[in-house]
Amino acid sequence: MRICVLIPSYNESRTIGSLVERLKSKGLNVVVVDDGSADPTAEVARQAGAYVLRHEQNKGKGASLKEGFRYILKEDYGAVITMDGDSQHSPEDIPKFIKEAANPDLDMIVGNRMSSSKDMPLIRWITNHLMSSLISIICWRNIPDSQCGFRLIKRNVL
């Protein structure tokens, strides 16, 4: 299965280059959607080896993800891994996602920041915990961190 990493980014020029380089060193294709950054995020990502899509003005993370998903569908990838451009998510965890994706019963795999949430503000921890509990009940499946942006999503879900 061909997998691509999608990174929606806004003013991430300080971290995006090294993140893209780490991903490329693992043989991964990387798409960065620069959401109207005022800094050189797009150029830094491009120089590091990413394919860059750019919004002229800020449209929000959701619009950036949609734009990236359209590109990934057009390029016929079997799955996409989404991650943030601020290096909050570790590329070293990607093999775990890919291993789990071999299970045909799993269409989406969501990362979990809640196991190491000591740096998370209390109100965010409470909100994430409540929402994750509610979504877990609705889905009849334990989803400890439903708000985590580090995900593997198979093509059929897009």
Protein backbone atom coordinates (compact mmCIF):
# COMPACT_ATOMS: atom_id res chain seq x y z
CA MET A 1 0.00 0.00 0.00
CA ARG A 2 1.41 3.40 -1.00
CA ILE A 3 1.32 5.79 1.95
CA CYS A 4 1.85 9.54 1.96
CA VAL A 5 2.38 11.87 4.92
CA LEU A 6 0.20 15.00 4.91
CA ILE A 7 1.20 17.98 7.03
CA PRO A 8 -1.14 20.99 7.25
CA SER A 9 1.05 23.91 8.27
CA TYR A 10 0.76 27.54 9.27
CA ASN A 11 3.87 29.56 10.13
CA GLU A 12 5.94 26.44 10.83
CA SER A 13 9.19 27.48 9.07
CA ARG A 14 11.28 26.79 12.18
CA THR A 15 10.25 23.13 12.43
CA ILE A 16 8.91 21.98 9.05
CA GLY A 17 12.27 21.51 7.31
CA SER A 18 13.75 19.09 9.80
CA LEU A 19 10.44 17.22 10.07
CA VAL A 20 10.22 16.75 6.29
CA GLU A 21 13.86 15.63 6.18
CA ARG A 22 13.24 13.04 8.92
CA LEU A 23 10.22 11.70 7.02
CA LYS A 24 12.02 11.65 3.66
CA SER A 25 14.95 9.77 5.25
CA LYS A 26 12.45 6.99 6.04
CA GLY A 27 11.48 6.79 2.35
CA LEU A 28 8.11 8.51 2.83
CA ASN A 29 6.43 10.84 0.38
CA VAL A 30 5.48 14.10 2.07
CA VAL A 31 2.83 16.67 1.15
CA VAL A 32 2.77 19.97 3.03
CA VAL A 33 -0.23 22.28 2.73
CA ASP A 34 0.93 25.77 3.65
CA ASP A 35 -2.16 27.59 4.89
CA GLY A 36 -1.24 31.16 3.95
CA SER A 37 1.80 31.42 6.21
CA ALA A 38 3.44 34.81 6.67
CA ASP A 39 6.81 33.08 7.11
CA PRO A 40 8.73 30.95 4.56
CA THR A 41 7.06 27.64 5.55
CA ALA A 42 6.34 26.68 1.92
CA GLU A 43 9.88 27.33 0.70
CA VAL A 44 11.51 25.56 3.66
CA ALA A 45 9.25 22.52 3.15
CA ARG A 46 9.94 22.46 -0.60
CA GLN A 47 13.71 22.69 -0.06
CA ALA A 48 13.52 19.79 2.40
CA GLY A 49 11.85 17.62 -0.26
CA ALA A 50 8.10 17.97 0.31
CA TYR A 51 5.52 18.48 -2.38
CA VAL A 52 3.90 21.77 -1.37
CA LEU A 53 0.34 22.97 -1.89
CA ARG A 54 -0.23 26.56 -0.83
CA HIS A 55 -3.22 28.68 0.14
CA GLU A 56 -2.69 32.37 -0.55
CA GLN A 57 -4.64 33.23 2.60
CA ASN A 58 -5.28 31.34 5.82
CA LYS A 59 -8.32 29.05 5.47
CA GLY A 60 -7.88 26.88 8.57
CA LYS A 61 -6.62 23.39 9.30
CA GLY A 62 -9.77 21.70 7.98
CA ALA A 63 -9.43 23.35 4.56
CA SER A 64 -5.75 22.38 4.45
CA LEU A 65 -6.57 18.76 5.23
CA LYS A 66 -9.30 18.68 2.54
CA GLU A 67 -6.89 20.13 -0.02
CA GLY A 68 -4.29 17.52 0.89
CA PHE A 69 -6.82 14.67 0.82
CA ARG A 70 -7.91 15.70 -2.71
CA TYR A 71 -4.29 15.58 -3.87
CA ILE A 72 -3.68 12.20 -2.20
CA LEU A 73 -6.80 10.70 -3.82
CA LYS A 74 -5.75 12.09 -7.21
CA GLU A 75 -2.28 10.56 -6.81
CA ASP A 76 -3.82 7.17 -5.91
CA TYR A 77 -2.25 6.63 -2.50
CA GLY A 78 -3.71 3.76 -0.46
CA ALA A 79 -3.51 5.68 2.82
CA VAL A 80 -2.43 8.96 4.33
CA ILE A 81 -0.74 9.74 7.62
CA THR A 82 -1.62 13.17 8.97
CA MET A 83 0.65 14.91 11.42
CA ASP A 84 1.27 18.43 12.69
CA GLY A 85 4.11 20.57 11.37
CA ASP A 86 5.33 21.67 14.79
CA SER A 87 7.18 18.37 15.45
CA GLN A 88 4.64 17.46 18.14
CA HIS A 89 4.31 14.02 16.52
CA SER A 90 7.30 11.71 16.12
CA PRO A 91 8.11 10.20 12.72
CA GLU A 92 9.61 7.29 14.64
CA ASP A 93 6.04 6.22 15.52
CA ILE A 94 5.01 5.84 11.87
CA PRO A 95 6.11 2.17 11.57
CA LYS A 96 3.59 1.35 14.33
CA PHE A 97 0.81 2.96 12.26
CA ILE A 98 1.89 1.08 9.13
CA LYS A 99 2.04 -2.24 10.99
CA GLU A 100 -1.50 -1.74 12.35
CA ALA A 101 -2.75 -0.67 8.90
CA ALA A 102 -2.06 -4.20 7.63
CA ASN A 103 -5.15 -5.25 9.59
CA PRO A 104 -8.01 -5.18 7.03
CA ASP A 105 -10.53 -4.46 9.80
CA LEU A 106 -8.92 -1.09 10.59
CA ASP A 107 -9.66 1.85 8.31
CA MET A 108 -8.28 4.57 10.58
CA ILE A 109 -5.66 4.59 13.32
CA VAL A 110 -5.50 7.52 15.75
CA GLY A 111 -2.44 8.45 17.80
CA ASN A 112 -2.64 9.00 21.55
CA ARG A 113 -1.13 11.99 23.35
CA MET A 114 -3.02 11.29 26.57
CA SER A 115 -0.49 8.74 27.82
CA SER A 116 2.06 11.56 28.17
CA SER A 117 -0.13 14.61 28.72
CA LYS A 118 1.90 16.26 31.50
CA ASP A 119 2.61 19.32 29.31
CA MET A 120 -1.03 19.67 28.22
CA PRO A 121 -3.00 22.51 29.84
CA LEU A 122 -5.57 21.17 32.32
CA ILE A 123 -8.62 22.53 30.46
CA ARG A 124 -7.42 20.92 27.20
CA TRP A 125 -6.80 17.61 28.99
CA ILE A 126 -10.31 17.69 30.51
CA THR A 127 -11.94 18.61 27.18
CA ASN A 128 -10.00 15.95 25.26
CA HIS A 129 -10.76 13.31 27.87
CA LEU A 130 -14.50 14.11 27.89
CA MET A 131 -14.77 14.21 24.08
CA SER A 132 -12.75 11.03 23.68
CA SER A 133 -14.96 9.25 26.22
CA LEU A 134 -18.12 10.40 24.43
CA ILE A 135 -16.81 9.40 21.00
CA SER A 136 -15.65 6.04 22.37
CA ILE A 137 -19.17 5.36 23.65
CA ILE A 138 -20.74 6.35 20.33
CA CYS A 139 -18.28 4.22 18.32
CA TRP A 140 -18.31 1.24 20.69
CA ARG A 141 -14.51 1.33 20.57
CA ASN A 142 -11.89 2.79 22.90
CA ILE A 143 -10.46 5.97 21.37
CA PRO A 144 -8.26 7.51 24.08
CA ASP A 145 -7.39 10.70 22.15
CA SER A 146 -10.01 11.46 19.51
CA GLN A 147 -8.59 14.96 18.94
CA CYS A 148 -5.07 13.82 18.06
CA GLY A 149 -3.99 14.96 14.59
CA PHE A 150 -1.55 12.06 14.17
CA ARG A 151 -3.60 9.54 12.20
CA LEU A 152 -3.42 6.97 9.46
CA ILE A 153 -6.50 7.05 7.24
CA LYS A 154 -7.10 4.52 4.49
CA ARG A 155 -8.24 5.67 1.07
CA ASN A 156 -11.74 4.18 1.38
CA VAL A 157 -12.45 6.51 4.33
CA LEU A 158 -11.36 9.63 2.45
